[in-house]
C-alpha atoms as a PDB file:
ATOM      1  CA  MET A   1     -14.037  -6.093  53.041  1.00  0.00           C
ATOM      2  CA  ALA A   2     -14.036  -7.265  56.644  1.00  0.00           C
ATOM      3  CA  GLN A   3     -15.908 -10.420  57.601  1.00  0.00           C
ATOM      4  CA  ILE A   4     -18.243  -9.783  60.561  1.00  0.00           C
ATOM      5  CA  GLU A   5     -19.460 -12.342  63.085  1.00  0.00           C
ATOM      6  CA  LYS A   6     -21.184 -12.220  66.471  1.00  0.00           C
ATOM      7  CA  LEU A   7     -19.610 -13.697  69.589  1.00  0.00           C
ATOM      8  CA  ILE A   8     -21.423 -14.218  72.914  1.00  0.00           C
ATOM      9  CA  VAL A   9     -19.148 -14.273  75.964  1.00  0.00           C
ATOM     10  CA  GLU A  10     -20.733 -14.370  79.440  1.00  0.00           C
ATOM     11  CA  ASP A  11     -23.841 -12.509  78.221  1.00  0.00           C
ATOM     12  CA  TYR A  12     -21.762  -9.921  76.371  1.00  0.00           C
ATOM     13  CA  GLU A  13     -22.555  -9.605  72.673  1.00  0.00           C
ATOM     14  CA  ILE A  14     -19.382  -8.822  70.745  1.00  0.00           C
ATOM     15  CA  GLU A  15     -18.940  -7.947  67.086  1.00  0.00           C
ATOM     16  CA  VAL A  16     -15.874  -9.607  65.608  1.00  0.00           C
ATOM     17  CA  HIS A  17     -14.418  -7.997  62.478  1.00  0.00           C
ATOM     18  CA  TYR A  18     -11.924 -10.249  60.718  1.00  0.00           C
ATOM     19  CA  LYS A  19      -9.379  -8.221  58.756  1.00  0.00           C
ATOM     20  CA  LYS A  20      -5.965  -8.488  57.168  1.00  0.00           C
ATOM     21  CA  MET A  21      -3.990  -7.537  60.260  1.00  0.00           C
ATOM     22  CA  LYS A  22      -1.535  -9.023  62.739  1.00  0.00           C
ATOM     23  CA  ASN A  23      -2.888  -8.060  66.172  1.00  0.00           C
ATOM     24  CA  ILE A  24      -6.230  -8.211  68.018  1.00  0.00           C
ATOM     25  CA  TYR A  25      -7.897  -4.987  69.148  1.00  0.00           C
ATOM     26  CA  LEU A  26     -10.845  -4.533  71.509  1.00  0.00           C
ATOM     27  CA  ARG A  27     -12.970  -1.353  71.412  1.00  0.00           C
ATOM     28  CA  LEU A  28     -16.130  -0.011  72.973  1.00  0.00           C
ATOM     29  CA  LYS A  29     -18.113   2.139  70.523  1.00  0.00           C
ATOM     30  CA  PRO A  30     -19.916   5.342  71.658  1.00  0.00           C
ATOM     31  CA  ASP A  31     -23.258   3.554  71.287  1.00  0.00           C
ATOM     32  CA  GLY A  32     -22.111   0.806  73.672  1.00  0.00           C
ATOM     33  CA  ARG A  33     -21.307  -1.873  71.110  1.00  0.00           C
ATOM     34  CA  ILE A  34     -18.290  -4.065  71.881  1.00  0.00           C
ATOM     35  CA  MET A  35     -16.044  -4.722  68.900  1.00  0.00           C
ATOM     36  CA  ILE A  36     -13.007  -6.897  68.314  1.00  0.00           C
ATOM     37  CA  SER A  37     -10.824  -6.542  65.250  1.00  0.00           C
ATOM     38  CA  ALA A  38      -8.904  -9.748  64.632  1.00  0.00           C
ATOM     39  CA  PRO A  39      -6.681 -11.343  61.977  1.00  0.00           C
ATOM     40  CA  MET A  40      -8.404 -13.578  59.463  1.00  0.00           C
ATOM     41  CA  ARG A  41      -8.811 -17.215  60.591  1.00  0.00           C
ATOM     42  CA  THR A  42      -8.433 -16.410  64.298  1.00  0.00           C
ATOM     43  CA  SER A  43     -10.273 -19.220  66.088  1.00  0.00           C
ATOM     44  CA  LYS A  44     -13.441 -18.574  68.090  1.00  0.00           C
ATOM     45  CA  LYS A  45     -11.864 -20.457  70.984  1.00  0.00           C
ATOM     46  CA  TYR A  46      -8.989 -17.991  71.106  1.00  0.00           C
ATOM     47  CA  LEU A  47     -11.281 -14.969  70.722  1.00  0.00           C
ATOM     48  CA  THR A  48     -13.550 -16.237  73.496  1.00  0.00           C
ATOM     49  CA  ALA A  49     -10.577 -16.598  75.838  1.00  0.00           C
ATOM     50  CA  PHE A  50      -9.324 -13.147  74.816  1.00  0.00           C
ATOM     51  CA  ALA A  51     -12.718 -11.499  75.433  1.00  0.00           C
ATOM     52  CA  THR A  52     -13.168 -13.317  78.753  1.00  0.00           C
ATOM     53  CA  SER A  53      -9.852 -11.964  80.009  1.00  0.00           C
ATOM     54  CA  ARG A  54     -10.969  -8.416  79.095  1.00  0.00           C
ATOM     55  CA  ILE A  55     -14.379  -8.482  80.814  1.00  0.00           C
ATOM     56  CA  PRO A  56     -13.255  -6.284  83.764  1.00  0.00           C
ATOM     57  CA  TRP A  57     -12.068  -3.684  81.222  1.00  0.00           C
ATOM     58  CA  ILE A  58     -15.375  -3.908  79.316  1.00  0.00           C
ATOM     59  CA  GLN A  59     -17.384  -3.436  82.523  1.00  0.00           C
ATOM     60  CA  GLU A  60     -15.315  -0.418  83.552  1.00  0.00           C
ATOM     61  CA  LYS A  61     -15.656   1.262  80.150  1.00  0.00           C
ATOM     62  CA  GLN A  62     -19.394   0.566  79.939  1.00  0.00           C
ATOM     63  CA  ASN A  63     -19.988   2.063  83.385  1.00  0.00           C
ATOM     64  CA  LYS A  64     -18.113   5.212  82.379  1.00  0.00           C
ATOM     65  CA  LEU A  65     -20.080   5.407  79.147  1.00  0.00           C
ATOM     66  CA  ILE A  66     -23.443   5.074  80.932  1.00  0.00           C
ATOM     67  CA  HIS A  67     -22.689   7.854  83.402  1.00  0.00           C
ATOM     68  CA  ARG A  68     -21.440  10.066  80.600  1.00  0.00           C
ATOM     69  CA  GLN A  69     -24.607   9.598  78.554  1.00  0.00           C
ATOM     70  CA  LYS A  70     -27.277  10.768  81.023  1.00  0.00           C
ATOM     71  CA  PRO A  71     -27.920  11.095  84.756  1.00  0.00           C
ATOM     72  CA  ALA A  72     -29.693   8.222  86.467  1.00  0.00           C
ATOM     73  CA  GLN A  73     -33.373   8.601  87.273  1.00  0.00           C
ATOM     74  CA  GLN A  74     -33.888   8.568  91.037  1.00  0.00           C
ATOM     75  CA  LEU A  75     -36.593   6.327  92.503  1.00  0.00           C
ATOM     76  CA  ALA A  76     -38.010   6.262  96.011  1.00  0.00           C
ATOM     77  CA  GLU A  77     -37.475   3.146  98.119  1.00  0.00           C
ATOM     78  CA  ASN A  78     -41.041   1.972  97.480  1.00  0.00           C
ATOM     79  CA  GLN A  79     -40.925   2.574  93.720  1.00  0.00           C
ATOM     80  CA  ILE A  80     -39.836   0.693  90.618  1.00  0.00           C
ATOM     81  CA  LEU A  81     -39.958   1.583  86.949  1.00  0.00           C
ATOM     82  CA  LEU A  82     -42.670  -0.235  85.016  1.00  0.00           C
ATOM     83  CA  PHE A  83     -42.271   0.324  81.286  1.00  0.00           C
ATOM     84  CA  GLY A  84     -40.412   3.546  82.021  1.00  0.00           C
ATOM     85  CA  GLN A  85     -42.881   4.978  84.553  1.00  0.00           C
ATOM     86  CA  PRO A  86     -42.344   5.097  88.353  1.00  0.00           C
ATOM     87  CA  VAL A  87     -44.938   2.976  90.187  1.00  0.00           C
ATOM     88  CA  ILE A  88     -45.370   1.682  93.724  1.00  0.00           C
ATOM     89  CA  ASN A  89     -43.439  -1.542  94.106  1.00  0.00           C
ATOM     90  CA  ASN A  90     -46.307  -3.923  94.861  1.00  0.00           C
ATOM     91  CA  LEU A  91     -45.840  -6.336  91.936  1.00  0.00           C
ATOM     92  CA  SER A  92     -44.379  -9.805  92.344  1.00  0.00           C
ATOM     93  CA  ALA A  93     -41.566 -11.113  90.152  1.00  0.00           C
ATOM     94  CA  LYS A  94     -44.091 -13.386  88.432  1.00  0.00           C
ATOM     95  CA  GLN A  95     -46.411 -10.457  87.688  1.00  0.00           C
ATOM     96  CA  LEU A  96     -43.529  -8.439  86.256  1.00  0.00           C
ATOM     97  CA  HIS A  97     -42.521 -11.411  84.116  1.00  0.00           C
ATOM     98  CA  ASN A  98     -46.053 -11.835  82.775  1.00  0.00           C
ATOM     99  CA  LEU A  99     -46.371  -8.137  81.941  1.00  0.00           C
ATOM    100  CA  LEU A 100     -43.072  -8.171  80.074  1.00  0.00           C
ATOM    101  CA  HIS A 101     -43.944 -11.392  78.247  1.00  0.00           C
ATOM    102  CA  GLN A 102     -47.259  -9.952  77.061  1.00  0.00           C
ATOM    103  CA  LYS A 103     -45.474  -6.876  75.742  1.00  0.00           C
ATOM    104  CA  ILE A 104     -42.773  -8.935  74.012  1.00  0.00           C
ATOM    105  CA  ILE A 105     -45.343 -11.215  72.397  1.00  0.00           C
ATOM    106  CA  SER A 106     -47.342  -8.238  71.105  1.00  0.00           C
ATOM    107  CA  TYR A 107     -44.270  -6.896  69.284  1.00  0.00           C
ATOM    108  CA  HIS A 108     -43.331 -10.333  67.946  1.00  0.00           C
ATOM    109  CA  GLU A 109     -46.814 -10.631  66.469  1.00  0.00           C
ATOM    110  CA  LYS A 110     -46.524  -7.145  64.965  1.00  0.00           C
ATOM    111  CA  TYR A 111     -43.433  -8.053  62.931  1.00  0.00           C
ATOM    112  CA  TRP A 112     -43.598 -11.835  62.583  1.00  0.00           C
ATOM    113  CA  HIS A 113     -45.510 -11.977  59.294  1.00  0.00           C
ATOM    114  CA  PHE A 114     -42.551 -10.424  57.472  1.00  0.00           C
ATOM    115  CA  PHE A 115     -39.957 -12.742  59.017  1.00  0.00           C
ATOM    116  CA  ALA A 116     -42.128 -15.805  58.434  1.00  0.00           C
ATOM    117  CA  SER A 117     -42.495 -14.756  54.785  1.00  0.00           C
ATOM    118  CA  CYS A 118     -38.679 -14.745  54.583  1.00  0.00           C
ATOM    119  CA  GLY A 119     -38.561 -18.386  55.691  1.00  0.00           C
ATOM    120  CA  CYS A 120     -37.923 -17.923  59.420  1.00  0.00           C
ATOM    121  CA  GLU A 121     -39.298 -20.743  61.517  1.00  0.00           C
ATOM    122  CA  ALA A 122     -41.070 -20.217  64.848  1.00  0.00           C
ATOM    123  CA  ILE A 123     -38.654 -19.376  67.642  1.00  0.00           C
ATOM    124  CA  GLU A 124     -38.693 -19.988  71.387  1.00  0.00           C
ATOM    125  CA  ILE A 125     -38.710 -16.900  73.615  1.00  0.00           C
ATOM    126  CA  LYS A 126     -36.697 -17.058  76.834  1.00  0.00           C
ATOM    127  CA  TYR A 127     -35.925 -14.633  79.662  1.00  0.00           C
ATOM    128  CA  ARG A 128     -33.106 -14.145  82.124  1.00  0.00           C
ATOM    129  CA  ILE A 129     -31.119 -11.432  83.826  1.00  0.00           C
ATOM    130  CA  MET A 130     -28.183 -10.454  81.629  1.00  0.00           C
ATOM    131  CA  LYS A 131     -25.248  -8.198  82.404  1.00  0.00           C
ATOM    132  CA  SER A 132     -24.806  -6.027  79.356  1.00  0.00           C
ATOM    133  CA  THR A 133     -27.188  -6.948  76.570  1.00  0.00           C
ATOM    134  CA  TRP A 134     -30.937  -6.617  76.189  1.00  0.00           C
ATOM    135  CA  GLY A 135     -31.410  -9.600  73.939  1.00  0.00           C
ATOM    136  CA  VAL A 136     -29.566 -12.528  72.396  1.00  0.00           C
ATOM    137  CA  CYS A 137     -30.739 -14.157  69.172  1.00  0.00           C
ATOM    138  CA  ARG A 138     -29.467 -17.647  68.313  1.00  0.00           C
ATOM    139  CA  PRO A 139     -30.879 -18.456  64.875  1.00  0.00           C
ATOM    140  CA  THR A 140     -29.187 -21.851  64.706  1.00  0.00           C
ATOM    141  CA  VAL A 141     -31.099 -23.126  67.742  1.00  0.00           C
ATOM    142  CA  GLY A 142     -34.239 -21.046  67.199  1.00  0.00           C
ATOM    143  CA  THR A 143     -34.240 -18.982  70.397  1.00  0.00           C
ATOM    144  CA  ILE A 144     -34.315 -15.341  71.399  1.00  0.00           C
ATOM    145  CA  THR A 145     -33.496 -14.565  75.024  1.00  0.00           C
ATOM    146  CA  TYR A 146     -34.581 -11.240  76.494  1.00  0.00           C
ATOM    147  CA  ASN A 147     -33.202  -9.490  79.525  1.00  0.00           C
ATOM    148  CA  LYS A 148     -35.777  -9.531  82.350  1.00  0.00           C
ATOM    149  CA  ARG A 149     -34.800  -5.947  83.152  1.00  0.00           C
ATOM    150  CA  LEU A 150     -36.558  -4.802  79.982  1.00  0.00           C
ATOM    151  CA  VAL A 151     -39.746  -4.597  82.079  1.00  0.00           C
ATOM    152  CA  HIS A 152     -38.352  -1.348  83.533  1.00  0.00           C
ATOM    153  CA  GLN A 153     -37.691   0.254  80.144  1.00  0.00           C
ATOM    154  CA  PRO A 154     -40.021   2.384  77.960  1.00  0.00           C
ATOM    155  CA  VAL A 155     -42.243   0.392  75.599  1.00  0.00           C
ATOM    156  CA  GLU A 156     -40.652   2.119  72.572  1.00  0.00           C
ATOM    157  CA  PHE A 157     -37.257   0.806  73.613  1.00  0.00           C
ATOM    158  CA  ILE A 158     -38.676  -2.698  74.152  1.00  0.00           C
ATOM    159  CA  GLU A 159     -40.155  -2.663  70.653  1.00  0.00           C
ATOM    160  CA  TYR A 160     -36.755  -1.627  69.278  1.00  0.00           C
ATOM    161  CA  VAL A 161     -35.038  -4.507  71.095  1.00  0.00           C
ATOM    162  CA  VAL A 162     -37.592  -7.038  69.801  1.00  0.00           C
ATOM    163  CA  LEU A 163     -37.194  -5.881  66.214  1.00  0.00           C
ATOM    164  CA  HIS A 164     -33.415  -5.780  66.618  1.00  0.00           C
ATOM    165  CA  GLU A 165     -33.314  -9.432  67.687  1.00  0.00           C
ATOM    166  CA  LEU A 166     -35.795 -10.537  65.009  1.00  0.00           C
ATOM    167  CA  CYS A 167     -33.579  -8.927  62.365  1.00  0.00           C
ATOM    168  CA  HIS A 168     -30.746 -11.147  63.575  1.00  0.00           C
ATOM    169  CA  LEU A 169     -32.758 -14.153  62.384  1.00  0.00           C
ATOM    170  CA  LEU A 170     -31.956 -12.980  58.858  1.00  0.00           C
ATOM    171  CA  VAL A 171     -28.661 -11.135  59.398  1.00  0.00           C
ATOM    172  CA  PRO A 172     -26.620 -12.516  62.337  1.00  0.00           C
ATOM    173  CA  ASN A 173     -24.220  -9.558  62.518  1.00  0.00           C
ATOM    174  CA  HIS A 174     -24.298  -5.743  62.655  1.00  0.00           C
ATOM    175  CA  SER A 175     -23.386  -5.104  59.049  1.00  0.00           C
ATOM    176  CA  ARG A 176     -24.931  -2.440  56.820  1.00  0.00           C
ATOM    177  CA  GLU A 177     -27.373  -5.100  55.602  1.00  0.00           C
ATOM    178  CA  PHE A 178     -28.582  -5.563  59.181  1.00  0.00           C
ATOM    179  CA  TYR A 179     -29.153  -1.859  59.795  1.00  0.00           C
ATOM    180  CA  ASP A 180     -30.864  -1.457  56.414  1.00  0.00           C
ATOM    181  CA  LEU A 181     -33.279  -4.220  57.447  1.00  0.00           C
ATOM    182  CA  LEU A 182     -33.860  -2.617  60.836  1.00  0.00           C
ATOM    183  CA  ARG A 183     -34.424   0.780  59.251  1.00  0.00           C
ATOM    184  CA  ARG A 184     -36.894  -0.717  56.763  1.00  0.00           C
ATOM    185  CA  HIS A 185     -39.265  -1.595  59.616  1.00  0.00           C
ATOM    186  CA  MET A 186     -38.322   1.202  62.013  1.00  0.00           C
ATOM    187  CA  PRO A 187     -37.013   4.220  60.069  1.00  0.00           C
ATOM    188  CA  HIS A 188     -36.180   6.186  63.233  1.00  0.00           C
ATOM    189  CA  PHE A 189     -34.714   3.279  65.195  1.00  0.00           C
ATOM    190  CA  ARG A 190     -31.800   5.432  66.377  1.00  0.00           C
ATOM    191  CA  ASP A 191     -34.273   7.529  68.371  1.00  0.00           C
ATOM    192  CA  TYR A 192     -35.786   4.402  69.931  1.00  0.00           C
ATOM    193  CA  GLU A 193     -32.477   2.861  70.952  1.00  0.00           C
ATOM    194  CA  LYS A 194     -31.625   6.054  72.876  1.00  0.00           C
ATOM    195  CA  MET A 195     -34.766   5.770  75.016  1.00  0.00           C
ATOM    196  CA  ARG A 196     -33.116   3.349  77.478  1.00  0.00           C
ATOM    197  CA  LEU A 197     -33.515   4.622  81.029  1.00  0.00           C
ATOM    198  CA  ILE A 198     -30.839   4.519  83.700  1.00  0.00           C
ATOM    199  CA  TYR A 199     -32.235   4.447  87.201  1.00  0.00           C
ATOM    200  CA  GLU A 200     -31.072   4.230  90.785  1.00  0.00           C
ATOM    201  CA  GLN A 201     -33.002   3.168  93.864  1.00  0.00           C
ATOM    202  CA  GLY A 202     -33.404   5.931  96.427  1.00  0.00           C
END
């Protein structure tokens, strides 16, 4: 059975599957996940360098995947998406941050009792613009970082992302155990993860 770990390289979250094999393979799954298959005992330093050298390829493949999935939603010059709905762009960056933070906190509170009962300690919530991932959970340092661009996405998708990252506090990879845990709290999570909107400014 393959050993699975998570690798973060320049804001890209990569699943590493260690197997009995000789070569390293990089793939982009249909759902957007980045996967590396590598020989057992391959060092993280080597894998990080390998993934870094392939970032242009990852970006190209992700762009093709996005445009294949659905057409972009067109916005007027004076509009932005706020939680998936077009609104007049009269909100400051600070206001957008506060609105997103309130939404994130509400979902953390919704699920936290379960994770606390499993022994998870309080975590610090952070925000920044990220290139290709909506959230990054680092259980060893007690932080979850969310992409600031989530403020433009539907609230159902935001809830999915929050639960996804909280599940990583208990299962730090994307194994069957992880998806069973996610499904336990959100049985139709596959529907939620497909709600991500792609948009272009007019």
